[in-house]
Amino acid sequence: MKYGTLLSALGVLWALSGCSEDPPVLACDGAQTTSLVKEAVHRTLLEQAGADDSVDISYQLHDIQTLENDTQTGGLLCRADLAVNLKNEYMDETLTRTIHYSAELSDEDMQQVQVFEDY
């Protein structure tokens, strides 16, 4: 299946959130962080597989861990198990992959995440 092959070749992804009135609090399992990770994975999966309206795709992050916390920059290195559920009238399949991602704040207090496939 093409989605399984693409999920194994995520590479590096970027996602940026918008500014908020209060600077976001970074956490590997924070709602904004996990939302940005899912958004980056979704965007890349659709770009690599092509948009397919017949497939409903959902994402979940499990077993989220903080691996490193840079006290100088406030940036985080995180690890999680990513589950991607692909569903349509012909299939209902869940693919899983361990990923790493970093979360940090830009100079403009925008949260950024960078997603890596497990190495």
PDB file of N, CA and C in Angstrom:
ATOM      1  N   MET A   1       0.847  -1.186   0.000  1.00  0.00           N
ATOM      2  CA  MET A   1       0.000   0.000   0.000  1.00  0.00           C
ATOM      3  C   MET A   1       0.882   1.235   0.000  1.00  0.00           C
ATOM      4  N   LYS A   2       0.528   2.205  -0.807  1.00  0.00           N
ATOM      5  CA  LYS A   2       1.363   3.388  -0.966  1.00  0.00           C
ATOM      6  C   LYS A   2       1.466   4.206   0.312  1.00  0.00           C
ATOM      7  N   TYR A   3       0.434   4.248   1.170  1.00  0.00           N
ATOM      8  CA  TYR A   3       0.485   5.040   2.401  1.00  0.00           C
ATOM      9  C   TYR A   3       1.496   4.465   3.383  1.00  0.00           C
ATOM     10  N   GLY A   4       1.575   3.149   3.465  1.00  0.00           N
ATOM     11  CA  GLY A   4       2.539   2.522   4.357  1.00  0.00           C
ATOM     12  C   GLY A   4       3.966   2.837   3.955  1.00  0.00           C
ATOM     13  N   THR A   5       4.237   2.791   2.666  1.00  0.00           N
ATOM     14  CA  THR A   5       5.565   3.125   2.166  1.00  0.00           C
ATOM     15  C   THR A   5       5.896   4.580   2.447  1.00  0.00           C
ATOM     16  N   LEU A   6       4.945   5.464   2.246  1.00  0.00           N
ATOM     17  CA  LEU A   6       5.188   6.881   2.467  1.00  0.00           C
ATOM     18  C   LEU A   6       5.374   7.194   3.948  1.00  0.00           C
ATOM     19  N   LEU A   7       4.626   6.526   4.789  1.00  0.00           N
ATOM     20  CA  LEU A   7       4.765   6.763   6.218  1.00  0.00           C
ATOM     21  C   LEU A   7       6.155   6.380   6.691  1.00  0.00           C
ATOM     22  N   SER A   8       6.757   5.388   6.059  1.00  0.00           N
ATOM     23  CA  SER A   8       8.094   4.975   6.468  1.00  0.00           C
ATOM     24  C   SER A   8       9.163   5.917   5.934  1.00  0.00           C
ATOM     25  N   ALA A   9       8.794   6.882   5.113  1.00  0.00           N
ATOM     26  CA  ALA A   9       9.761   7.812   4.533  1.00  0.00           C
ATOM     27  C   ALA A   9       9.336   9.251   4.786  1.00  0.00           C
ATOM     28  N   LEU A  10       8.959   9.548   6.013  1.00  0.00           N
ATOM     29  CA  LEU A  10       8.478  10.891   6.329  1.00  0.00           C
ATOM     30  C   LEU A  10       9.537  11.958   6.124  1.00  0.00           C
ATOM     31  N   GLY A  11      10.780  11.645   6.429  1.00  0.00           N
ATOM     32  CA  GLY A  11      11.823  12.655   6.324  1.00  0.00           C
ATOM     33  C   GLY A  11      11.661  13.719   7.391  1.00  0.00           C
ATOM     34  N   VAL A  12      11.948  14.932   7.043  1.00  0.00           N
ATOM     35  CA  VAL A  12      11.864  16.046   7.984  1.00  0.00           C
ATOM     36  C   VAL A  12      10.724  16.955   7.563  1.00  0.00           C
ATOM     37  N   LEU A  13       9.913  17.348   8.518  1.00  0.00           N
ATOM     38  CA  LEU A  13       8.745  18.172   8.261  1.00  0.00           C
ATOM     39  C   LEU A  13       8.790  19.399   9.150  1.00  0.00           C
ATOM     40  N   TRP A  14       8.214  20.477   8.694  1.00  0.00           N
ATOM     41  CA  TRP A  14       8.103  21.692   9.500  1.00  0.00           C
ATOM     42  C   TRP A  14       6.650  22.110   9.593  1.00  0.00           C
ATOM     43  N   ALA A  15       6.288  22.644  10.719  1.00  0.00           N
ATOM     44  CA  ALA A  15       4.967  23.253  10.867  1.00  0.00           C
ATOM     45  C   ALA A  15       5.129  24.462  11.769  1.00  0.00           C
ATOM     46  N   LEU A  16       4.415  25.502  11.470  1.00  0.00           N
ATOM     47  CA  LEU A  16       4.456  26.717  12.284  1.00  0.00           C
ATOM     48  C   LEU A  16       3.047  27.069  12.718  1.00  0.00           C
ATOM     49  N   SER A  17       2.935  27.514  13.938  1.00  0.00           N
ATOM     50  CA  SER A  17       1.626  27.993  14.375  1.00  0.00           C
ATOM     51  C   SER A  17       1.606  29.503  14.301  1.00  0.00           C
ATOM     52  N   GLY A  18       0.444  30.079  14.447  1.00  0.00           N
ATOM     53  CA  GLY A  18       0.326  31.533  14.453  1.00  0.00           C
ATOM     54  C   GLY A  18       0.689  32.107  15.806  1.00  0.00           C
ATOM     55  N   CYS A  19       0.765  33.398  15.860  1.00  0.00           N
ATOM     56  CA  CYS A  19       1.053  34.082  17.120  1.00  0.00           C
ATOM     57  C   CYS A  19      -0.178  34.050  18.020  1.00  0.00           C
ATOM     58  N   SER A  20       0.073  34.073  19.298  1.00  0.00           N
ATOM     59  CA  SER A  20      -1.018  34.200  20.249  1.00  0.00           C
ATOM     60  C   SER A  20      -0.706  35.377  21.161  1.00  0.00           C
ATOM     61  N   GLU A  21      -1.698  35.845  21.875  1.00  0.00           N
ATOM     62  CA  GLU A  21      -1.470  36.979  22.765  1.00  0.00           C
ATOM     63  C   GLU A  21      -0.462  36.632  23.851  1.00  0.00           C
ATOM     64  N   ASP A  22      -0.572  35.433  24.385  1.00  0.00           N
ATOM     65  CA  ASP A  22       0.388  34.968  25.384  1.00  0.00           C
ATOM     66  C   ASP A  22       1.288  33.942  24.730  1.00  0.00           C
ATOM     67  N   PRO A  23       2.593  33.992  25.026  1.00  0.00           N
ATOM     68  CA  PRO A  23       3.483  32.988  24.440  1.00  0.00           C
ATOM     69  C   PRO A  23       3.038  31.587  24.856  1.00  0.00           C
ATOM     70  N   PRO A  24       3.048  30.638  23.920  1.00  0.00           N
ATOM     71  CA  PRO A  24       2.652  29.278  24.271  1.00  0.00           C
ATOM     72  C   PRO A  24       3.650  28.649  25.236  1.00  0.00           C
ATOM     73  N   VAL A  25       3.163  27.748  26.050  1.00  0.00           N
ATOM     74  CA  VAL A  25       4.019  26.974  26.941  1.00  0.00           C
ATOM     75  C   VAL A  25       4.350  25.688  26.206  1.00  0.00           C
ATOM     76  N   LEU A  26       5.634  25.430  26.021  1.00  0.00           N
ATOM     77  CA  LEU A  26       6.042  24.244  25.280  1.00  0.00           C
ATOM     78  C   LEU A  26       5.935  23.006  26.146  1.00  0.00           C
ATOM     79  N   ALA A  27       5.382  21.966  25.583  1.00  0.00           N
ATOM     80  CA  ALA A  27       5.325  20.655  26.208  1.00  0.00           C
ATOM     81  C   ALA A  27       5.208  19.625  25.095  1.00  0.00           C
ATOM     82  N   CYS A  28       5.947  18.528  25.208  1.00  0.00           N
ATOM     83  CA  CYS A  28       5.890  17.497  24.173  1.00  0.00           C
ATOM     84  C   CYS A  28       4.477  16.968  23.976  1.00  0.00           C
ATOM     85  N   ASP A  29       3.716  16.895  25.070  1.00  0.00           N
ATOM     86  CA  ASP A  29       2.350  16.383  24.979  1.00  0.00           C
ATOM     87  C   ASP A  29       1.307  17.495  24.998  1.00  0.00           C
ATOM     88  N   GLY A  30       1.741  18.741  24.818  1.00  0.00           N
ATOM     89  CA  GLY A  30       0.819  19.869  24.805  1.00  0.00           C
ATOM     90  C   GLY A  30      -0.097  19.830  23.593  1.00  0.00           C
ATOM     91  N   ALA A  31      -1.300  20.367  23.759  1.00  0.00           N
ATOM     92  CA  ALA A  31      -2.293  20.328  22.690  1.00  0.00           C
ATOM     93  C   ALA A  31      -1.800  21.006  21.416  1.00  0.00           C
ATOM     94  N   GLN A  32      -1.179  22.175  21.545  1.00  0.00           N
ATOM     95  CA  GLN A  32      -0.713  22.883  20.355  1.00  0.00           C
ATOM     96  C   GLN A  32       0.446  22.133  19.699  1.00  0.00           C
ATOM     97  N   THR A  33       1.344  21.587  20.499  1.00  0.00           N
ATOM     98  CA  THR A  33       2.478  20.845  19.952  1.00  0.00           C
ATOM     99  C   THR A  33       2.006  19.620  19.180  1.00  0.00           C
ATOM    100  N   THR A  34       1.136  18.815  19.788  1.00  0.00           N
ATOM    101  CA  THR A  34       0.685  17.600  19.111  1.00  0.00           C
ATOM    102  C   THR A  34      -0.159  17.933  17.876  1.00  0.00           C
ATOM    103  N   SER A  35      -0.902  19.022  17.939  1.00  0.00           N
ATOM    104  CA  SER A  35      -1.682  19.447  16.774  1.00  0.00           C
ATOM    105  C   SER A  35      -0.763  19.808  15.614  1.00  0.00           C
ATOM    106  N   LEU A  36       0.327  20.529  15.896  1.00  0.00           N
ATOM    107  CA  LEU A  36       1.280  20.900  14.853  1.00  0.00           C
ATOM    108  C   LEU A  36       1.977  19.674  14.274  1.00  0.00           C
ATOM    109  N   VAL A  37       2.307  18.705  15.118  1.00  0.00           N
ATOM    110  CA  VAL A  37       2.937  17.471  14.634  1.00  0.00           C
ATOM    111  C   VAL A  37       1.983  16.748  13.685  1.00  0.00           C
ATOM    112  N   LYS A  38       0.726  16.596  14.090  1.00  0.00           N
ATOM    113  CA  LYS A  38      -0.258  15.916  13.239  1.00  0.00           C
ATOM    114  C   LYS A  38      -0.461  16.664  11.925  1.00  0.00           C
ATOM    115  N   GLU A  39      -0.489  17.990  11.992  1.00  0.00           N
ATOM    116  CA  GLU A  39      -0.652  18.810  10.790  1.00  0.00           C
ATOM    117  C   GLU A  39       0.511  18.605   9.825  1.00  0.00           C
ATOM    118  N   ALA A  40       1.732  18.585  10.354  1.00  0.00           N
ATOM    119  CA  ALA A  40       2.915  18.401   9.504  1.00  0.00           C
ATOM    120  C   ALA A  40       2.916  17.025   8.857  1.00  0.00           C
ATOM    121  N   VAL A  41       2.577  15.994   9.623  1.00  0.00           N
ATOM    122  CA  VAL A  41       2.527  14.638   9.079  1.00  0.00           C
ATOM    123  C   VAL A  41       1.432  14.541   8.018  1.00  0.00           C
ATOM    124  N   HIS A  42       0.268  15.097   8.301  1.00  0.00           N
ATOM    125  CA  HIS A  42      -0.849  15.045   7.357  1.00  0.00           C
ATOM    126  C   HIS A  42      -0.494  15.737   6.044  1.00  0.00           C
ATOM    127  N   ARG A  43       0.061  16.918   6.146  1.00  0.00           N
ATOM    128  CA  ARG A  43       0.419  17.676   4.945  1.00  0.00           C
ATOM    129  C   ARG A  43       1.416  16.896   4.094  1.00  0.00           C
ATOM    130  N   THR A  44       2.426  16.323   4.725  1.00  0.00           N
ATOM    131  CA  THR A  44       3.438  15.592   3.982  1.00  0.00           C
ATOM    132  C   THR A  44       2.886  14.302   3.392  1.00  0.00           C
ATOM    133  N   LEU A  45       2.057  13.596   4.152  1.00  0.00           N
ATOM    134  CA  LEU A  45       1.465  12.365   3.636  1.00  0.00           C
ATOM    135  C   LEU A  45       0.605  12.647   2.404  1.00  0.00           C
ATOM    136  N   LEU A  46      -0.173  13.725   2.444  1.00  0.00           N
ATOM    137  CA  LEU A  46      -0.999  14.072   1.288  1.00  0.00           C
ATOM    138  C   LEU A  46      -0.154  14.510   0.101  1.00  0.00           C
ATOM    139  N   GLU A  47       0.927  15.259   0.360  1.00  0.00           N
ATOM    140  CA  GLU A  47       1.798  15.691  -0.733  1.00  0.00           C
ATOM    141  C   GLU A  47       2.457  14.499  -1.401  1.00  0.00           C
ATOM    142  N   GLN A  48       2.898  13.530  -0.603  1.00  0.00           N
ATOM    143  CA  GLN A  48       3.613  12.385  -1.167  1.00  0.00           C
ATOM    144  C   GLN A  48       2.672  11.350  -1.776  1.00  0.00           C
ATOM    145  N   ALA A  49       1.481  11.194  -1.192  1.00  0.00           N
ATOM    146  CA  ALA A  49       0.551  10.174  -1.681  1.00  0.00           C
ATOM    147  C   ALA A  49      -0.445  10.742  -2.672  1.00  0.00           C
ATOM    148  N   GLY A  50      -0.574  12.058  -2.685  1.00  0.00           N
ATOM    149  CA  GLY A  50      -1.598  12.681  -3.508  1.00  0.00           C
ATOM    150  C   GLY A  50      -2.900  12.763  -2.737  1.00  0.00           C
ATOM    151  N   ALA A  51      -3.631  13.825  -2.930  1.00  0.00           N
ATOM    152  CA  ALA A  51      -4.901  14.002  -2.229  1.00  0.00           C
ATOM    153  C   ALA A  51      -5.884  12.935  -2.689  1.00  0.00           C
ATOM    154  N   ASP A  52      -6.483  12.274  -1.734  1.00  0.00           N
ATOM    155  CA  ASP A  52      -7.436  11.217  -2.028  1.00  0.00           C
ATOM    156  C   ASP A  52      -8.624  11.390  -1.096  1.00  0.00           C
ATOM    157  N   ASP A  53      -9.694  11.996  -1.617  1.00  0.00           N
ATOM    158  CA  ASP A  53     -10.873  12.285  -0.796  1.00  0.00           C
ATOM    159  C   ASP A  53     -11.595  11.029  -0.336  1.00  0.00           C
ATOM    160  N   SER A  54     -11.316   9.892  -0.951  1.00  0.00           N
ATOM    161  CA  SER A  54     -12.025   8.669  -0.580  1.00  0.00           C
ATOM    162  C   SER A  54     -11.466   8.035   0.693  1.00  0.00           C
ATOM    163  N   VAL A  55     -10.309   8.504   1.163  1.00  0.00           N
ATOM    164  CA  VAL A  55      -9.686   7.933   2.351  1.00  0.00           C
ATOM    165  C   VAL A  55      -9.786   8.925   3.498  1.00  0.00           C
ATOM    166  N   ASP A  56     -10.371   8.476   4.600  1.00  0.00           N
ATOM    167  CA  ASP A  56     -10.445   9.270   5.820  1.00  0.00           C
ATOM    168  C   ASP A  56      -9.193   8.962   6.631  1.00  0.00           C
ATOM    169  N   ILE A  57      -8.405   9.992   6.942  1.00  0.00           N
ATOM    170  CA  ILE A  57      -7.142   9.803   7.651  1.00  0.00           C
ATOM    171  C   ILE A  57      -7.232  10.493   9.006  1.00  0.00           C
ATOM    172  N   SER A  58      -6.870   9.761  10.066  1.00  0.00           N
ATOM    173  CA  SER A  58      -6.807  10.366  11.398  1.00  0.00           C
ATOM    174  C   SER A  58      -5.479   9.979  12.049  1.00  0.00           C
ATOM    175  N   TYR A  59      -5.072  10.792  13.020  1.00  0.00           N
ATOM    176  CA  TYR A  59      -3.753  10.638  13.629  1.00  0.00           C
ATOM    177  C   TYR A  59      -3.889  10.647  15.144  1.00  0.00           C
ATOM    178  N   GLN A  60      -3.050   9.843  15.795  1.00  0.00           N
ATOM    179  CA  GLN A  60      -2.956   9.855  17.250  1.00  0.00           C
ATOM    180  C   GLN A  60      -1.500   9.687  17.632  1.00  0.00           C
ATOM    181  N   LEU A  61      -1.115  10.376  18.699  1.00  0.00           N
ATOM    182  CA  LEU A  61       0.224  10.223  19.263  1.00  0.00           C
ATOM    183  C   LEU A  61       0.086   9.518  20.602  1.00  0.00           C
ATOM    184  N   HIS A  62       0.897   8.475  20.796  1.00  0.00           N
ATOM    185  CA  HIS A  62       0.871   7.691  22.023  1.00  0.00           C
ATOM    186  C   HIS A  62       2.269   7.652  22.630  1.00  0.00           C
ATOM    187  N   ASP A  63       2.320   7.354  23.913  1.00  0.00           N
ATOM    188  CA  ASP A  63       3.599   7.173  24.615  1.00  0.00           C
ATOM    189  C   ASP A  63       4.556   8.334  24.364  1.00  0.00           C
ATOM    190  N   ILE A  64       4.061   9.539  24.524  1.00  0.00           N
ATOM    191  CA  ILE A  64       4.860  10.745  24.290  1.00  0.00           C
ATOM    192  C   ILE A  64       5.870  10.909  25.419  1.00  0.00           C
ATOM    193  N   GLN A  65       7.119  11.160  25.050  1.00  0.00           N
ATOM    194  CA  GLN A  65       8.192  11.329  26.025  1.00  0.00           C
ATOM    195  C   GLN A  65       9.007  12.572  25.693  1.00  0.00           C
ATOM    196  N   THR A  66       9.455  13.269  26.732  1.00  0.00           N
ATOM    197  CA  THR A  66      10.404  14.363  26.564  1.00  0.00           C
ATOM    198  C   THR A  66      11.798  13.764  26.720  1.00  0.00           C
ATOM    199  N   LEU A  67      12.611  13.829  25.666  1.00  0.00           N
ATOM    200  CA  LEU A  67      13.958  13.266  25.699  1.00  0.00           C
ATOM    201  C   LEU A  67      14.989  14.280  26.163  1.00  0.00           C
ATOM    202  N   GLU A  68      14.819  15.521  25.743  1.00  0.00           N
ATOM    203  CA  GLU A  68      15.763  16.577  26.112  1.00  0.00           C
ATOM    204  C   GLU A  68      15.015  17.878  26.295  1.00  0.00           C
ATOM    205  N   ASN A  69      15.513  18.686  27.209  1.00  0.00           N
ATOM    206  CA  ASN A  69      14.976  20.026  27.440  1.00  0.00           C
ATOM    207  C   ASN A  69      16.170  20.969  27.474  1.00  0.00           C
ATOM    208  N   ASP A  70      16.307  21.804  26.461  1.00  0.00           N
ATOM    209  CA  ASP A  70      17.423  22.742  26.382  1.00  0.00           C
ATOM    210  C   ASP A  70      17.108  23.944  27.274  1.00  0.00           C
ATOM    211  N   THR A  71      17.811  24.056  28.387  1.00  0.00           N
ATOM    212  CA  THR A  71      17.519  25.117  29.353  1.00  0.00           C
ATOM    213  C   THR A  71      17.880  26.498  28.825  1.00  0.00           C
ATOM    214  N   GLN A  72      18.777  26.586  27.861  1.00  0.00           N
ATOM    215  CA  GLN A  72      19.146  27.891  27.307  1.00  0.00           C
ATOM    216  C   GLN A  72      18.105  28.411  26.325  1.00  0.00           C
ATOM    217  N   THR A  73      17.599  27.534  25.458  1.00  0.00           N
ATOM    218  CA  THR A  73      16.652  27.976  24.433  1.00  0.00           C
ATOM    219  C   THR A  73      15.203  27.657  24.793  1.00  0.00           C
ATOM    220  N   GLY A  74      15.006  26.737  25.723  1.00  0.00           N
ATOM    221  CA  GLY A  74      13.654  26.312  26.063  1.00  0.00           C
ATOM    222  C   GLY A  74      13.108  25.277  25.097  1.00  0.00           C
ATOM    223  N   GLY A  75      13.910  24.868  24.127  1.00  0.00           N
ATOM    224  CA  GLY A  75      13.464  23.889  23.137  1.00  0.00           C
ATOM    225  C   GLY A  75      13.402  22.486  23.709  1.00  0.00           C
ATOM    226  N   LEU A  76      12.572  21.657  23.103  1.00  0.00           N
ATOM    227  CA  LEU A  76      12.367  20.285  23.552  1.00  0.00           C
ATOM    228  C   LEU A  76      12.645  19.306  22.426  1.00  0.00           C
ATOM    229  N   LEU A  77      13.151  18.137  22.780  1.00  0.00           N
ATOM    230  CA  LEU A  77      13.240  17.017  21.863  1.00  0.00           C
ATOM    231  C   LEU A  77      12.308  15.947  22.403  1.00  0.00           C
ATOM    232  N   CYS A  78      11.417  15.467  21.543  1.00  0.00           N
ATOM    233  CA  CYS A  78      10.348  14.569  21.983  1.00  0.00           C
ATOM    234  C   CYS A  78      10.349  13.297  21.142  1.00  0.00           C
ATOM    235  N   ARG A  79       9.752  12.252  21.709  1.00  0.00           N
ATOM    236  CA  ARG A  79       9.574  10.975  21.027  1.00  0.00           C
ATOM    237  C   ARG A  79       8.137  10.537  21.249  1.00  0.00           C
ATOM    238  N   ALA A  80       7.524   9.947  20.212  1.00  0.00           N
ATOM    239  CA  ALA A  80       6.154   9.447  20.343  1.00  0.00           C
ATOM    240  C   ALA A  80       5.912   8.344  19.323  1.00  0.00           C
ATOM    241  N   ASP A  81       4.913   7.544  19.610  1.00  0.00           N
ATOM    242  CA  ASP A  81       4.433   6.570  18.635  1.00  0.00           C
ATOM    243  C   ASP A  81       3.281   7.220  17.889  1.00  0.00           C
ATOM    244  N   LEU A  82       3.408   7.297  16.590  1.00  0.00           N
ATOM    245  CA  LEU A  82       2.397   7.891  15.723  1.00  0.00           C
ATOM    246  C   LEU A  82       1.548   6.777  15.129  1.00  0.00           C
ATOM    247  N   ALA A  83       0.237   6.878  15.311  1.00  0.00           N
ATOM    248  CA  ALA A  83      -0.705   5.939  14.694  1.00  0.00           C
ATOM    249  C   ALA A  83      -1.496   6.703  13.640  1.00  0.00           C
ATOM    250  N   VAL A  84      -1.487   6.187  12.425  1.00  0.00           N
ATOM    251  CA  VAL A  84      -2.223   6.789  11.319  1.00  0.00           C
ATOM    252  C   VAL A  84      -3.300   5.790  10.905  1.00  0.00           C
ATOM    253  N   ASN A  85      -4.561   6.188  11.048  1.00  0.00           N
ATOM    254  CA  ASN A  85      -5.667   5.324  10.667  1.00  0.00           C
ATOM    255  C   ASN A  85      -6.175   5.746   9.298  1.00  0.00           C
ATOM    256  N   LEU A  86      -6.188   4.800   8.377  1.00  0.00           N
ATOM    257  CA  LEU A  86      -6.663   5.016   7.010  1.00  0.00           C
ATOM    258  C   LEU A  86      -7.945   4.204   6.839  1.00  0.00           C
ATOM    259  N   LYS A  87      -9.007   4.898   6.455  1.00  0.00           N
ATOM    260  CA  LYS A  87     -10.293   4.212   6.384  1.00  0.00           C
ATOM    261  C   LYS A  87     -11.090   4.679   5.167  1.00  0.00           C
ATOM    262  N   ASN A  88     -11.636   3.724   4.441  1.00  0.00           N
ATOM    263  CA  ASN A  88     -12.631   3.981   3.401  1.00  0.00           C
ATOM    264  C   ASN A  88     -13.466   2.725   3.261  1.00  0.00           C
ATOM    265  N   GLU A  89     -14.250   2.616   2.201  1.00  0.00           N
ATOM    266  CA  GLU A  89     -15.137   1.464   2.082  1.00  0.00           C
ATOM    267  C   GLU A  89     -14.389   0.160   1.845  1.00  0.00           C
ATOM    268  N   TYR A  90     -13.107   0.224   1.455  1.00  0.00           N
ATOM    269  CA  TYR A  90     -12.339  -0.976   1.157  1.00  0.00           C
ATOM    270  C   TYR A  90     -11.305  -1.328   2.217  1.00  0.00           C
ATOM    271  N   MET A  91     -11.018  -0.415   3.122  1.00  0.00           N
ATOM    272  CA  MET A  91      -9.981  -0.701   4.113  1.00  0.00           C
ATOM    273  C   MET A  91     -10.250   0.039   5.419  1.00  0.00           C
ATOM    274  N   ASP A  92      -9.679  -0.497   6.455  1.00  0.00           N
ATOM    275  CA  ASP A  92      -9.637   0.135   7.768  1.00  0.00           C
ATOM    276  C   ASP A  92      -8.328  -0.330   8.377  1.00  0.00           C
ATOM    277  N   GLU A  93      -7.291   0.445   8.169  1.00  0.00           N
ATOM    278  CA  GLU A  93      -5.937   0.031   8.514  1.00  0.00           C
ATOM    279  C   GLU A  93      -5.274   1.099   9.379  1.00  0.00           C
ATOM    280  N   THR A  94      -4.532   0.658  10.385  1.00  0.00           N
ATOM    281  CA  THR A  94      -3.760   1.573  11.215  1.00  0.00           C
ATOM    282  C   THR A  94      -2.288   1.257  11.048  1.00  0.00           C
ATOM    283  N   LEU A  95      -1.533   2.270  10.667  1.00  0.00           N
ATOM    284  CA  LEU A  95      -0.083   2.162  10.513  1.00  0.00           C
ATOM    285  C   LEU A  95       0.566   2.871  11.687  1.00  0.00           C
ATOM    286  N   THR A  96       1.613   2.304  12.227  1.00  0.00           N
ATOM    287  CA  THR A  96       2.293   2.951  13.355  1.00  0.00           C
ATOM    288  C   THR A  96       3.767   3.140  13.027  1.00  0.00           C
ATOM    289  N   ARG A  97       4.304   4.196  13.577  1.00  0.00           N
ATOM    290  CA  ARG A  97       5.710   4.531  13.371  1.00  0.00           C
ATOM    291  C   ARG A  97       6.166   5.350  14.574  1.00  0.00           C
ATOM    292  N   THR A  98       7.371   5.096  15.046  1.00  0.00           N
ATOM    293  CA  THR A  98       7.957   5.927  16.088  1.00  0.00           C
ATOM    294  C   THR A  98       8.575   7.147  15.419  1.00  0.00           C
ATOM    295  N   ILE A  99       8.281   8.313  15.959  1.00  0.00           N
ATOM    296  CA  ILE A  99       8.830   9.556  15.420  1.00  0.00           C
ATOM    297  C   ILE A  99       9.503  10.337  16.539  1.00  0.00           C
ATOM    298  N   HIS A 100      10.356  11.234  16.143  1.00  0.00           N
ATOM    299  CA  HIS A 100      10.946  12.226  17.039  1.00  0.00           C
ATOM    300  C   HIS A 100      10.525  13.591  16.515  1.00  0.00           C
ATOM    301  N   TYR A 101      10.374  14.537  17.409  1.00  0.00           N
ATOM    302  CA  TYR A 101      10.081  15.898  16.987  1.00  0.00           C
ATOM    303  C   TYR A 101      10.658  16.871  17.991  1.00  0.00           C
ATOM    304  N   SER A 102      10.963  18.063  17.490  1.00  0.00           N
ATOM    305  CA  SER A 102      11.440  19.128  18.359  1.00  0.00           C
ATOM    306  C   SER A 102      10.372  20.202  18.406  1.00  0.00           C
ATOM    307  N   ALA A 103      10.331  20.902  19.514  1.00  0.00           N
ATOM    308  CA  ALA A 103       9.393  22.014  19.683  1.00  0.00           C
ATOM    309  C   ALA A 103      10.169  23.179  20.265  1.00  0.00           C
ATOM    310  N   GLU A 104       9.951  24.356  19.700  1.00  0.00           N
ATOM    311  CA  GLU A 104      10.634  25.547  20.198  1.00  0.00           C
ATOM    312  C   GLU A 104       9.805  26.771  19.853  1.00  0.00           C
ATOM    313  N   LEU A 105      10.159  27.876  20.482  1.00  0.00           N
ATOM    314  CA  LEU A 105       9.517  29.156  20.195  1.00  0.00           C
ATOM    315  C   LEU A 105      10.450  29.983  19.333  1.00  0.00           C
ATOM    316  N   SER A 106       9.897  30.633  18.338  1.00  0.00           N
ATOM    317  CA  SER A 106      10.686  31.537  17.507  1.00  0.00           C
ATOM    318  C   SER A 106      10.872  32.859  18.251  1.00  0.00           C
ATOM    319  N   ASP A 107      11.638  33.749  17.670  1.00  0.00           N
ATOM    320  CA  ASP A 107      11.847  35.069  18.265  1.00  0.00           C
ATOM    321  C   ASP A 107      10.544  35.851  18.371  1.00  0.00           C
ATOM    322  N   GLU A 108       9.570  35.507  17.534  1.00  0.00           N
ATOM    323  CA  GLU A 108       8.272  36.190  17.536  1.00  0.00           C
ATOM    324  C   GLU A 108       7.250  35.454  18.406  1.00  0.00           C
ATOM    325  N   ASP A 109       7.712  34.534  19.267  1.00  0.00           N
ATOM    326  CA  ASP A 109       6.858  33.724  20.139  1.00  0.00           C
ATOM    327  C   ASP A 109       5.863  32.866  19.376  1.00  0.00           C
ATOM    328  N   MET A 110       6.274  32.398  18.196  1.00  0.00           N
ATOM    329  CA  MET A 110       5.480  31.429  17.450  1.00  0.00           C
ATOM    330  C   MET A 110       6.053  30.052  17.744  1.00  0.00           C
ATOM    331  N   GLN A 111       5.184  29.091  17.986  1.00  0.00           N
ATOM    332  CA  GLN A 111       5.661  27.740  18.242  1.00  0.00           C
ATOM    333  C   GLN A 111       5.988  27.067  16.927  1.00  0.00           C
ATOM    334  N   GLN A 112       7.108  26.368  16.891  1.00  0.00           N
ATOM    335  CA  GLN A 112       7.547  25.627  15.715  1.00  0.00           C
ATOM    336  C   GLN A 112       7.764  24.179  16.121  1.00  0.00           C
ATOM    337  N   VAL A 113       7.456  23.266  15.239  1.00  0.00           N
ATOM    338  CA  VAL A 113       7.831  21.878  15.448  1.00  0.00           C
ATOM    339  C   VAL A 113       8.556  21.382  14.211  1.00  0.00           C
ATOM    340  N   GLN A 114       9.465  20.485  14.428  1.00  0.00           N
ATOM    341  CA  GLN A 114      10.168  19.805  13.349  1.00  0.00           C
ATOM    342  C   GLN A 114      10.014  18.321  13.638  1.00  0.00           C
ATOM    343  N   VAL A 115       9.519  17.555  12.670  1.00  0.00           N
ATOM    344  CA  VAL A 115       9.218  16.147  12.862  1.00  0.00           C
ATOM    345  C   VAL A 115      10.225  15.315  12.078  1.00  0.00           C
ATOM    346  N   PHE A 116      10.764  14.272  12.736  1.00  0.00           N
ATOM    347  CA  PHE A 116      11.729  13.368  12.122  1.00  0.00           C
ATOM    348  C   PHE A 116      11.207  11.954  12.235  1.00  0.00           C
ATOM    349  N   GLU A 117      11.482  11.157  11.241  1.00  0.00           N
ATOM    350  CA  GLU A 117      11.212   9.732  11.365  1.00  0.00           C
ATOM    351  C   GLU A 117      12.205   9.164  12.381  1.00  0.00           C
ATOM    352  N   ASP A 118      11.822   8.128  13.081  1.00  0.00           N
ATOM    353  CA  ASP A 118      12.710   7.495  14.051  1.00  0.00           C
ATOM    354  C   ASP A 118      13.973   7.032  13.350  1.00  0.00           C
ATOM    355  N   TYR A 119      15.085   7.189  14.025  1.00  0.00           N
ATOM    356  CA  TYR A 119      16.359   6.795  13.429  1.00  0.00           C
ATOM    357  C   TYR A 119      16.978   5.652  14.177  1.00  0.00           C
TER     358      TYR A 119
END
